[in-house]
Amino acid sequence: MNQKEIAEQLDIGRSSVARFLSEAKQEGVVRFYITSNIDNLRRSDLENELVTKYKLKDAVVVQKNGDNMYEMIVGNYLNSIIPYQGSLGLGLGRTVHKVGKYLHVCDARPDLKIVQMTGSIGRMENEIPSTSLIQNWAQALNAKPYFLPAPALVESKKVKEYFLKDKNIESSCNEIRNIDISIVSIGDVSPDATILRGNLDPELTSEMLKKHSVGDILLHFFDKQGNFSLNHISDRVLGTEPIDLLRIPTRIALAYGEEKADAIKGALNGRLVNILITTDETAKLLL
């Protein structure tokens, strides 16, 4: 039964059902399992080819043949790789947000930190939430959330230096430097790019982005070889610096779609990520 049906049968509010289930899950009274053999929907042949071609630590390739199947398989995979202590860093993105809703298959990790890797997008908070994304993952994993109370991109390097003097922001950035495993999205440079849709830089256009880059991770743009290419933007990003990202031992990207193929390929060429979770259609384009 879904939560609505339970609420109607017991004549209580749906929020109460959600709370009771959450408490029961935390206490170990209720546990959730996916009983279908969803691993059959993985393409091990394409995974092996991706690992070999791009020298990855691992790859997960999902056959996109059903609603939310990608997110379900990702949830199962993450349960096998996310540590039980240390720090997990999360980037912003719709896919990362959606996957957070399918982590009920994961074991509790009360000694794990969930760290926000970049500031909020502001006017796009409804589409790409920052604090609620961190909160949802932390709640699902019974982990400890660490927020970054700052905008993702500021007007100048000088303004960024001013923000970094704040003790709360300084503390958050120190947490970022100690991340053990990161999970991020990969953005493209189309007119739908986050930096453009959020109007984070009013003078920036899609043509300007395409001239120097193919995609971004955490608003750090890179070219087709995976070299960071727009330093004047990176210098204004609050949160994870490019060097911080590359220091993280395990760097997972959740990314798929024909429109993102060039961006994903650039990130793999530069080893900006070393584990890719994608779809079979996208994998074929990358190969």
C-alpha atoms as a PDB file:
ATOM      1  CA  MET A   1       0.000   0.000   0.000  1.00  0.00           C
ATOM      2  CA  ASN A   2       1.192   3.507  -0.626  1.00  0.00           C
ATOM      3  CA  GLN A   3       1.213   6.185   2.065  1.00  0.00           C
ATOM      4  CA  LYS A   4      -2.051   7.724   0.871  1.00  0.00           C
ATOM      5  CA  GLU A   5      -3.864   4.386   1.152  1.00  0.00           C
ATOM      6  CA  ILE A   6      -2.422   3.720   4.609  1.00  0.00           C
ATOM      7  CA  ALA A   7      -3.450   7.195   5.796  1.00  0.00           C
ATOM      8  CA  GLU A   8      -7.029   6.672   4.569  1.00  0.00           C
ATOM      9  CA  GLN A   9      -7.365   3.226   6.149  1.00  0.00           C
ATOM     10  CA  LEU A  10      -6.027   4.373   9.538  1.00  0.00           C
ATOM     11  CA  ASP A  11      -7.761   7.766   9.341  1.00  0.00           C
ATOM     12  CA  ILE A  12      -4.571   9.716  10.040  1.00  0.00           C
ATOM     13  CA  GLY A  13      -2.610  12.313   8.095  1.00  0.00           C
ATOM     14  CA  ARG A  14      -0.254  11.297   5.326  1.00  0.00           C
ATOM     15  CA  SER A  15       2.582  13.192   7.030  1.00  0.00           C
ATOM     16  CA  SER A  16       2.037  11.045  10.130  1.00  0.00           C
ATOM     17  CA  VAL A  17       2.373   7.892   8.035  1.00  0.00           C
ATOM     18  CA  ALA A  18       5.639   9.190   6.589  1.00  0.00           C
ATOM     19  CA  ARG A  19       6.939  10.032  10.063  1.00  0.00           C
ATOM     20  CA  PHE A  20       5.958   6.660  11.553  1.00  0.00           C
ATOM     21  CA  LEU A  21       7.597   4.800   8.663  1.00  0.00           C
ATOM     22  CA  SER A  22      10.741   6.898   8.998  1.00  0.00           C
ATOM     23  CA  GLU A  23      10.944   6.218  12.747  1.00  0.00           C
ATOM     24  CA  ALA A  24      10.302   2.501  12.218  1.00  0.00           C
ATOM     25  CA  LYS A  25      13.011   2.372   9.569  1.00  0.00           C
ATOM     26  CA  GLN A  26      15.518   4.112  11.854  1.00  0.00           C
ATOM     27  CA  GLU A  27      14.715   1.680  14.664  1.00  0.00           C
ATOM     28  CA  GLY A  28      15.110  -1.305  12.359  1.00  0.00           C
ATOM     29  CA  VAL A  29      11.463  -2.362  12.761  1.00  0.00           C
ATOM     30  CA  VAL A  30      10.823  -1.785   9.061  1.00  0.00           C
ATOM     31  CA  ARG A  31      13.308  -2.485   6.274  1.00  0.00           C
ATOM     32  CA  PHE A  32      12.856  -2.018   2.534  1.00  0.00           C
ATOM     33  CA  TYR A  33      14.177  -4.358  -0.130  1.00  0.00           C
ATOM     34  CA  ILE A  34      13.855  -4.438  -3.885  1.00  0.00           C
ATOM     35  CA  THR A  35      13.089  -8.058  -4.676  1.00  0.00           C
ATOM     36  CA  SER A  36      13.181  -7.825  -8.474  1.00  0.00           C
ATOM     37  CA  ASN A  37      16.444  -8.813 -10.130  1.00  0.00           C
ATOM     38  CA  ILE A  38      17.181  -5.300 -11.364  1.00  0.00           C
ATOM     39  CA  ASP A  39      20.858  -6.034 -11.952  1.00  0.00           C
ATOM     40  CA  ASN A  40      19.725  -7.817 -15.118  1.00  0.00           C
ATOM     41  CA  LEU A  41      19.064  -4.330 -16.470  1.00  0.00           C
ATOM     42  CA  ARG A  42      22.767  -3.479 -16.326  1.00  0.00           C
ATOM     43  CA  ARG A  43      24.964  -3.778 -19.428  1.00  0.00           C
ATOM     44  CA  SER A  44      28.184  -5.361 -18.165  1.00  0.00           C
ATOM     45  CA  ASP A  45      29.634  -5.447 -21.701  1.00  0.00           C
ATOM     46  CA  LEU A  46      29.368  -1.671 -22.045  1.00  0.00           C
ATOM     47  CA  GLU A  47      30.586  -1.186 -18.469  1.00  0.00           C
ATOM     48  CA  ASN A  48      33.775  -3.133 -19.213  1.00  0.00           C
ATOM     49  CA  GLU A  49      34.383  -1.172 -22.413  1.00  0.00           C
ATOM     50  CA  LEU A  50      33.984   2.156 -20.615  1.00  0.00           C
ATOM     51  CA  VAL A  51      36.357   1.106 -17.808  1.00  0.00           C
ATOM     52  CA  THR A  52      38.968   0.011 -20.350  1.00  0.00           C
ATOM     53  CA  LYS A  53      38.711   3.005 -22.695  1.00  0.00           C
ATOM     54  CA  TYR A  54      38.656   5.722 -20.019  1.00  0.00           C
ATOM     55  CA  LYS A  55      40.691   3.902 -17.323  1.00  0.00           C
ATOM     56  CA  LEU A  56      37.860   4.191 -14.797  1.00  0.00           C
ATOM     57  CA  LYS A  57      37.641   2.612 -11.357  1.00  0.00           C
ATOM     58  CA  ASP A  58      34.168   1.370 -12.261  1.00  0.00           C
ATOM     59  CA  ALA A  59      31.152   2.004 -14.471  1.00  0.00           C
ATOM     60  CA  VAL A  60      27.441   1.288 -14.183  1.00  0.00           C
ATOM     61  CA  VAL A  61      25.388   1.222 -17.388  1.00  0.00           C
ATOM     62  CA  VAL A  62      21.623   1.008 -17.020  1.00  0.00           C
ATOM     63  CA  GLN A  63      19.133   0.015 -19.704  1.00  0.00           C
ATOM     64  CA  LYS A  64      16.580   2.818 -19.733  1.00  0.00           C
ATOM     65  CA  ASN A  65      13.444   0.720 -20.169  1.00  0.00           C
ATOM     66  CA  GLY A  66      11.262   1.881 -17.302  1.00  0.00           C
ATOM     67  CA  ASP A  67      10.400   4.862 -15.140  1.00  0.00           C
ATOM     68  CA  ASN A  68      12.839   5.418 -12.273  1.00  0.00           C
ATOM     69  CA  MET A  69      14.789   2.265 -13.073  1.00  0.00           C
ATOM     70  CA  TYR A  70      18.013   4.287 -13.347  1.00  0.00           C
ATOM     71  CA  GLU A  71      17.507   5.759  -9.869  1.00  0.00           C
ATOM     72  CA  MET A  72      16.671   2.359  -8.349  1.00  0.00           C
ATOM     73  CA  ILE A  73      19.786   0.699  -9.740  1.00  0.00           C
ATOM     74  CA  VAL A  74      21.932   3.654  -8.671  1.00  0.00           C
ATOM     75  CA  GLY A  75      20.547   3.337  -5.128  1.00  0.00           C
ATOM     76  CA  ASN A  76      21.475  -0.345  -5.010  1.00  0.00           C
ATOM     77  CA  TYR A  77      24.961   0.330  -6.361  1.00  0.00           C
ATOM     78  CA  LEU A  78      25.647   3.193  -3.966  1.00  0.00           C
ATOM     79  CA  ASN A  79      24.819   0.961  -1.014  1.00  0.00           C
ATOM     80  CA  SER A  80      27.810  -1.164  -2.002  1.00  0.00           C
ATOM     81  CA  ILE A  81      30.259   1.708  -2.374  1.00  0.00           C
ATOM     82  CA  ILE A  82      29.338   4.524   0.043  1.00  0.00           C
ATOM     83  CA  PRO A  83      31.467   4.196   3.197  1.00  0.00           C
ATOM     84  CA  TYR A  84      29.980   3.828   6.664  1.00  0.00           C
ATOM     85  CA  GLN A  85      32.140   6.601   8.070  1.00  0.00           C
ATOM     86  CA  GLY A  86      34.079   9.551   6.706  1.00  0.00           C
ATOM     87  CA  SER A  87      32.598  12.115   4.312  1.00  0.00           C
ATOM     88  CA  LEU A  88      30.361  11.909   1.242  1.00  0.00           C
ATOM     89  CA  GLY A  89      30.288  15.089  -0.850  1.00  0.00           C
ATOM     90  CA  LEU A  90      27.254  15.912  -2.997  1.00  0.00           C
ATOM     91  CA  GLY A  91      27.022  18.277  -5.930  1.00  0.00           C
ATOM     92  CA  LEU A  92      23.806  19.877  -7.085  1.00  0.00           C
ATOM     93  CA  GLY A  93      21.712  18.534  -9.938  1.00  0.00           C
ATOM     94  CA  ARG A  94      18.318  17.108 -10.791  1.00  0.00           C
ATOM     95  CA  THR A  95      19.640  13.550 -11.112  1.00  0.00           C
ATOM     96  CA  VAL A  96      21.439  13.656  -7.751  1.00  0.00           C
ATOM     97  CA  HIS A  97      18.240  15.004  -6.203  1.00  0.00           C
ATOM     98  CA  LYS A  98      16.092  12.252  -7.772  1.00  0.00           C
ATOM     99  CA  VAL A  99      18.450   9.477  -6.702  1.00  0.00           C
ATOM    100  CA  GLY A 100      18.145  10.705  -3.117  1.00  0.00           C
ATOM    101  CA  LYS A 101      14.519   9.558  -3.156  1.00  0.00           C
ATOM    102  CA  TYR A 102      15.566   5.952  -3.863  1.00  0.00           C
ATOM    103  CA  LEU A 103      18.081   5.434  -1.076  1.00  0.00           C
ATOM    104  CA  HIS A 104      15.689   3.485   1.159  1.00  0.00           C
ATOM    105  CA  VAL A 105      17.511   0.362  -0.067  1.00  0.00           C
ATOM    106  CA  CYS A 106      20.700   1.573   1.615  1.00  0.00           C
ATOM    107  CA  ASP A 107      21.876   0.652   5.098  1.00  0.00           C
ATOM    108  CA  ALA A 108      22.012   3.344   7.783  1.00  0.00           C
ATOM    109  CA  ARG A 109      25.333   5.159   8.146  1.00  0.00           C
ATOM    110  CA  PRO A 110      25.156   7.221  11.365  1.00  0.00           C
ATOM    111  CA  ASP A 111      28.915   7.901  11.339  1.00  0.00           C
ATOM    112  CA  LEU A 112      28.900   9.321   7.801  1.00  0.00           C
ATOM    113  CA  LYS A 113      28.979  13.039   6.964  1.00  0.00           C
ATOM    114  CA  ILE A 114      26.974  14.345   3.981  1.00  0.00           C
ATOM    115  CA  VAL A 115      28.756  17.486   2.763  1.00  0.00           C
ATOM    116  CA  GLN A 116      27.317  20.149   0.436  1.00  0.00           C
ATOM    117  CA  MET A 117      30.000  20.772  -2.190  1.00  0.00           C
ATOM    118  CA  THR A 118      28.795  24.074  -3.611  1.00  0.00           C
ATOM    119  CA  GLY A 119      26.532  26.948  -2.639  1.00  0.00           C
ATOM    120  CA  SER A 120      22.899  27.375  -3.661  1.00  0.00           C
ATOM    121  CA  ILE A 121      21.666  28.502  -7.074  1.00  0.00           C
ATOM    122  CA  GLY A 122      19.261  31.072  -5.618  1.00  0.00           C
ATOM    123  CA  ARG A 123      16.396  31.623  -8.036  1.00  0.00           C
ATOM    124  CA  MET A 124      16.617  27.990  -9.206  1.00  0.00           C
ATOM    125  CA  GLU A 125      16.282  26.552  -5.696  1.00  0.00           C
ATOM    126  CA  ASN A 126      12.893  25.039  -6.590  1.00  0.00           C
ATOM    127  CA  GLU A 127      14.373  23.144  -9.544  1.00  0.00           C
ATOM    128  CA  ILE A 128      17.820  22.354  -8.175  1.00  0.00           C
ATOM    129  CA  PRO A 129      17.537  22.413  -4.388  1.00  0.00           C
ATOM    130  CA  SER A 130      20.651  22.558  -2.268  1.00  0.00           C
ATOM    131  CA  THR A 131      19.783  22.316   1.424  1.00  0.00           C
ATOM    132  CA  SER A 132      16.843  19.944   0.917  1.00  0.00           C
ATOM    133  CA  LEU A 133      18.997  17.703  -1.310  1.00  0.00           C
ATOM    134  CA  ILE A 134      21.589  17.372   1.456  1.00  0.00           C
ATOM    135  CA  GLN A 135      18.879  16.894   4.065  1.00  0.00           C
ATOM    136  CA  ASN A 136      17.122  14.173   2.058  1.00  0.00           C
ATOM    137  CA  TRP A 137      20.307  12.171   1.519  1.00  0.00           C
ATOM    138  CA  ALA A 138      21.308  12.555   5.157  1.00  0.00           C
ATOM    139  CA  GLN A 139      17.886  11.445   6.347  1.00  0.00           C
ATOM    140  CA  ALA A 140      17.797   8.468   3.975  1.00  0.00           C
ATOM    141  CA  LEU A 141      21.235   7.296   5.142  1.00  0.00           C
ATOM    142  CA  ASN A 142      20.730   8.338   8.767  1.00  0.00           C
ATOM    143  CA  ALA A 143      23.890  10.415   8.312  1.00  0.00           C
ATOM    144  CA  LYS A 144      24.980  13.881   9.475  1.00  0.00           C
ATOM    145  CA  PRO A 145      24.352  16.806   7.076  1.00  0.00           C
ATOM    146  CA  TYR A 146      26.903  19.593   6.624  1.00  0.00           C
ATOM    147  CA  PHE A 147      25.571  22.617   4.755  1.00  0.00           C
ATOM    148  CA  LEU A 148      27.326  25.414   2.883  1.00  0.00           C
ATOM    149  CA  PRO A 149      25.377  28.628   3.707  1.00  0.00           C
ATOM    150  CA  ALA A 150      26.445  30.637   0.672  1.00  0.00           C
ATOM    151  CA  PRO A 151      25.600  31.368  -2.979  1.00  0.00           C
ATOM    152  CA  ALA A 152      27.205  29.143  -5.609  1.00  0.00           C
ATOM    153  CA  LEU A 153      28.678  32.026  -7.607  1.00  0.00           C
ATOM    154  CA  VAL A 154      29.493  35.559  -6.476  1.00  0.00           C
ATOM    155  CA  GLU A 155      30.243  38.748  -8.392  1.00  0.00           C
ATOM    156  CA  SER A 156      34.012  38.815  -8.038  1.00  0.00           C
ATOM    157  CA  LYS A 157      37.028  37.120  -6.504  1.00  0.00           C
ATOM    158  CA  LYS A 158      37.150  39.917  -3.937  1.00  0.00           C
ATOM    159  CA  VAL A 159      33.550  39.216  -2.858  1.00  0.00           C
ATOM    160  CA  LYS A 160      34.435  35.530  -2.591  1.00  0.00           C
ATOM    161  CA  GLU A 161      37.326  36.343  -0.258  1.00  0.00           C
ATOM    162  CA  TYR A 162      34.908  38.347   1.891  1.00  0.00           C
ATOM    163  CA  PHE A 163      32.514  35.361   2.140  1.00  0.00           C
ATOM    164  CA  LEU A 164      35.372  33.032   3.074  1.00  0.00           C
ATOM    165  CA  LYS A 165      36.070  35.126   6.171  1.00  0.00           C
ATOM    166  CA  ASP A 166      32.745  33.963   7.635  1.00  0.00           C
ATOM    167  CA  LYS A 167      33.456  31.235  10.203  1.00  0.00           C
ATOM    168  CA  ASN A 168      30.494  29.063   9.134  1.00  0.00           C
ATOM    169  CA  ILE A 169      31.554  29.146   5.489  1.00  0.00           C
ATOM    170  CA  GLU A 170      35.184  28.574   6.436  1.00  0.00           C
ATOM    171  CA  SER A 171      34.153  25.522   8.464  1.00  0.00           C
ATOM    172  CA  SER A 172      32.106  24.152   5.535  1.00  0.00           C
ATOM    173  CA  CYS A 173      35.038  24.595   3.149  1.00  0.00           C
ATOM    174  CA  ASN A 174      37.286  22.701   5.571  1.00  0.00           C
ATOM    175  CA  GLU A 175      34.800  19.808   5.457  1.00  0.00           C
ATOM    176  CA  ILE A 176      34.931  19.889   1.650  1.00  0.00           C
ATOM    177  CA  ARG A 177      38.718  19.446   1.719  1.00  0.00           C
ATOM    178  CA  ASN A 178      38.310  16.184   3.630  1.00  0.00           C
ATOM    179  CA  ILE A 179      35.711  14.478   1.410  1.00  0.00           C
ATOM    180  CA  ASP A 180      36.389  10.768   0.814  1.00  0.00           C
ATOM    181  CA  ILE A 181      33.872  10.141  -1.976  1.00  0.00           C
ATOM    182  CA  SER A 182      31.902  12.568  -4.146  1.00  0.00           C
ATOM    183  CA  ILE A 183      28.758  12.250  -6.239  1.00  0.00           C
ATOM    184  CA  VAL A 184      28.155  14.969  -8.830  1.00  0.00           C
ATOM    185  CA  SER A 185      26.254  15.751 -11.990  1.00  0.00           C
ATOM    186  CA  ILE A 186      27.900  16.869 -15.229  1.00  0.00           C
ATOM    187  CA  GLY A 187      26.460  19.972 -16.866  1.00  0.00           C
ATOM    188  CA  ASP A 188      26.531  20.915 -20.546  1.00  0.00           C
ATOM    189  CA  VAL A 189      26.974  24.309 -22.220  1.00  0.00           C
ATOM    190  CA  SER A 190      23.602  24.564 -23.942  1.00  0.00           C
ATOM    191  CA  PRO A 191      21.169  27.440 -23.247  1.00  0.00           C
ATOM    192  CA  ASP A 192      19.748  25.109 -20.568  1.00  0.00           C
ATOM    193  CA  ALA A 193      23.011  25.193 -18.599  1.00  0.00           C
ATOM    194  CA  THR A 194      22.512  25.939 -14.903  1.00  0.00           C
ATOM    195  CA  ILE A 195      24.732  29.020 -14.949  1.00  0.00           C
ATOM    196  CA  LEU A 196      22.644  30.498 -17.777  1.00  0.00           C
ATOM    197  CA  ARG A 197      19.177  29.500 -16.583  1.00  0.00           C
ATOM    198  CA  GLY A 198      19.988  30.762 -13.106  1.00  0.00           C
ATOM    199  CA  ASN A 199      21.354  34.001 -14.580  1.00  0.00           C
ATOM    200  CA  LEU A 200      24.379  33.610 -12.321  1.00  0.00           C
ATOM    201  CA  ASP A 201      26.482  35.680 -14.718  1.00  0.00           C
ATOM    202  CA  PRO A 202      24.304  38.134 -16.702  1.00  0.00           C
ATOM    203  CA  GLU A 203      27.048  38.787 -19.277  1.00  0.00           C
ATOM    204  CA  LEU A 204      27.604  35.124 -20.081  1.00  0.00           C
ATOM    205  CA  THR A 205      26.063  33.471 -23.151  1.00  0.00           C
ATOM    206  CA  SER A 206      25.887  29.906 -24.440  1.00  0.00           C
ATOM    207  CA  GLU A 207      28.140  30.884 -27.362  1.00  0.00           C
ATOM    208  CA  MET A 208      30.798  32.164 -24.961  1.00  0.00           C
ATOM    209  CA  LEU A 209      30.649  28.922 -22.998  1.00  0.00           C
ATOM    210  CA  LYS A 210      30.862  26.745 -26.116  1.00  0.00           C
ATOM    211  CA  LYS A 211      33.897  28.645 -27.372  1.00  0.00           C
ATOM    212  CA  HIS A 212      36.037  27.491 -24.454  1.00  0.00           C
ATOM    213  CA  SER A 213      34.312  24.501 -22.862  1.00  0.00           C
ATOM    214  CA  VAL A 214      32.070  21.461 -23.293  1.00  0.00           C
ATOM    215  CA  GLY A 215      30.694  21.121 -19.774  1.00  0.00           C
ATOM    216  CA  ASP A 216      31.041  21.776 -16.067  1.00  0.00           C
ATOM    217  CA  ILE A 217      31.241  20.053 -12.714  1.00  0.00           C
ATOM    218  CA  LEU A 218      30.247  22.194  -9.734  1.00  0.00           C
ATOM    219  CA  LEU A 219      30.330  25.265 -12.048  1.00  0.00           C
ATOM    220  CA  HIS A 220      33.975  24.610 -12.951  1.00  0.00           C
ATOM    221  CA  PHE A 221      34.008  24.499 -16.753  1.00  0.00           C
ATOM    222  CA  PHE A 222      36.323  22.268 -18.781  1.00  0.00           C
ATOM    223  CA  ASP A 223      37.200  21.645 -22.438  1.00  0.00           C
ATOM    224  CA  LYS A 224      36.989  18.410 -24.441  1.00  0.00           C
ATOM    225  CA  GLN A 225      40.326  17.217 -23.023  1.00  0.00           C
ATOM    226  CA  GLY A 226      39.051  17.753 -19.482  1.00  0.00           C
ATOM    227  CA  ASN A 227      41.225  20.792 -18.781  1.00  0.00           C
ATOM    228  CA  PHE A 228      39.607  23.531 -16.682  1.00  0.00           C
ATOM    229  CA  SER A 229      39.036  26.353 -19.114  1.00  0.00           C
ATOM    230  CA  LEU A 230      37.166  29.296 -17.550  1.00  0.00           C
ATOM    231  CA  ASN A 231      39.254  30.281 -14.551  1.00  0.00           C
ATOM    232  CA  HIS A 232      37.556  33.664 -14.219  1.00  0.00           C
ATOM    233  CA  ILE A 233      34.339  31.775 -13.337  1.00  0.00           C
ATOM    234  CA  SER A 234      36.040  29.183 -11.123  1.00  0.00           C
ATOM    235  CA  ASP A 235      37.643  32.003  -9.146  1.00  0.00           C
ATOM    236  CA  ARG A 236      34.148  33.168  -8.128  1.00  0.00           C
ATOM    237  CA  VAL A 237      32.684  29.772  -7.169  1.00  0.00           C
ATOM    238  CA  LEU A 238      32.029  29.267  -3.462  1.00  0.00           C
ATOM    239  CA  GLY A 239      32.608  25.708  -2.355  1.00  0.00           C
ATOM    240  CA  THR A 240      34.740  23.013  -3.952  1.00  0.00           C
ATOM    241  CA  GLU A 241      37.810  24.277  -5.779  1.00  0.00           C
ATOM    242  CA  PRO A 242      39.129  22.334  -8.817  1.00  0.00           C
ATOM    243  CA  ILE A 243      42.074  21.075  -6.770  1.00  0.00           C
ATOM    244  CA  ASP A 244      39.694  19.954  -4.002  1.00  0.00           C
ATOM    245  CA  LEU A 245      37.730  17.887  -6.524  1.00  0.00           C
ATOM    246  CA  LEU A 246      40.803  16.161  -7.930  1.00  0.00           C
ATOM    247  CA  ARG A 247      42.047  15.273  -4.444  1.00  0.00           C
ATOM    248  CA  ILE A 248      38.944  13.166  -3.715  1.00  0.00           C
ATOM    249  CA  PRO A 249      39.871   9.472  -4.108  1.00  0.00           C
ATOM    250  CA  THR A 250      36.495   8.288  -5.435  1.00  0.00           C
ATOM    251  CA  ARG A 251      34.678  10.690  -7.780  1.00  0.00           C
ATOM    252  CA  ILE A 252      31.299   9.452  -9.057  1.00  0.00           C
ATOM    253  CA  ALA A 253      29.308  11.141 -11.823  1.00  0.00           C
ATOM    254  CA  LEU A 254      25.592  10.563 -12.401  1.00  0.00           C
ATOM    255  CA  ALA A 255      25.100  11.682 -15.995  1.00  0.00           C
ATOM    256  CA  TYR A 256      23.317  10.595 -19.143  1.00  0.00           C
ATOM    257  CA  GLY A 257      21.640  11.983 -22.250  1.00  0.00           C
ATOM    258  CA  GLU A 258      22.685  12.652 -25.831  1.00  0.00           C
ATOM    259  CA  GLU A 259      22.942  16.380 -25.136  1.00  0.00           C
ATOM    260  CA  LYS A 260      25.522  15.684 -22.409  1.00  0.00           C
ATOM    261  CA  ALA A 261      27.699  13.193 -24.331  1.00  0.00           C
ATOM    262  CA  ASP A 262      30.453  15.710 -25.158  1.00  0.00           C
ATOM    263  CA  ALA A 263      30.502  17.020 -21.597  1.00  0.00           C
ATOM    264  CA  ILE A 264      30.713  13.513 -20.120  1.00  0.00           C
ATOM    265  CA  LYS A 265      33.461  12.553 -22.560  1.00  0.00           C
ATOM    266  CA  GLY A 266      35.469  15.642 -21.598  1.00  0.00           C
ATOM    267  CA  ALA A 267      35.127  14.853 -17.889  1.00  0.00           C
ATOM    268  CA  LEU A 268      36.286  11.268 -18.517  1.00  0.00           C
ATOM    269  CA  ASN A 269      39.193  12.374 -20.712  1.00  0.00           C
ATOM    270  CA  GLY A 270      40.435  14.642 -17.936  1.00  0.00           C
ATOM    271  CA  ARG A 271      39.749  12.038 -15.212  1.00  0.00           C
ATOM    272  CA  LEU A 272      37.672  14.620 -13.391  1.00  0.00           C
ATOM    273  CA  VAL A 273      35.539  11.631 -12.335  1.00  0.00           C
ATOM    274  CA  ASN A 274      36.633   8.004 -12.041  1.00  0.00           C
ATOM    275  CA  ILE A 275      33.283   6.217 -11.720  1.00  0.00           C
ATOM    276  CA  LEU A 276      30.491   6.835 -14.226  1.00  0.00           C
ATOM    277  CA  ILE A 277      26.852   5.826 -13.789  1.00  0.00           C
ATOM    278  CA  THR A 278      24.995   6.318 -17.067  1.00  0.00           C
ATOM    279  CA  THR A 279      22.573   4.705 -19.517  1.00  0.00           C
ATOM    280  CA  ASP A 280      23.199   2.287 -22.361  1.00  0.00           C
ATOM    281  CA  GLU A 281      22.306   4.906 -24.989  1.00  0.00           C
ATOM    282  CA  THR A 282      24.830   7.369 -23.575  1.00  0.00           C
ATOM    283  CA  ALA A 283      27.496   4.683 -23.136  1.00  0.00           C
ATOM    284  CA  LYS A 284      27.301   3.811 -26.821  1.00  0.00           C
ATOM    285  CA  LEU A 285      27.871   7.467 -27.717  1.00  0.00           C
ATOM    286  CA  LEU A 286      30.896   7.616 -25.404  1.00  0.00           C
ATOM    287  CA  LEU A 287      32.348   4.480 -27.000  1.00  0.00           C
END
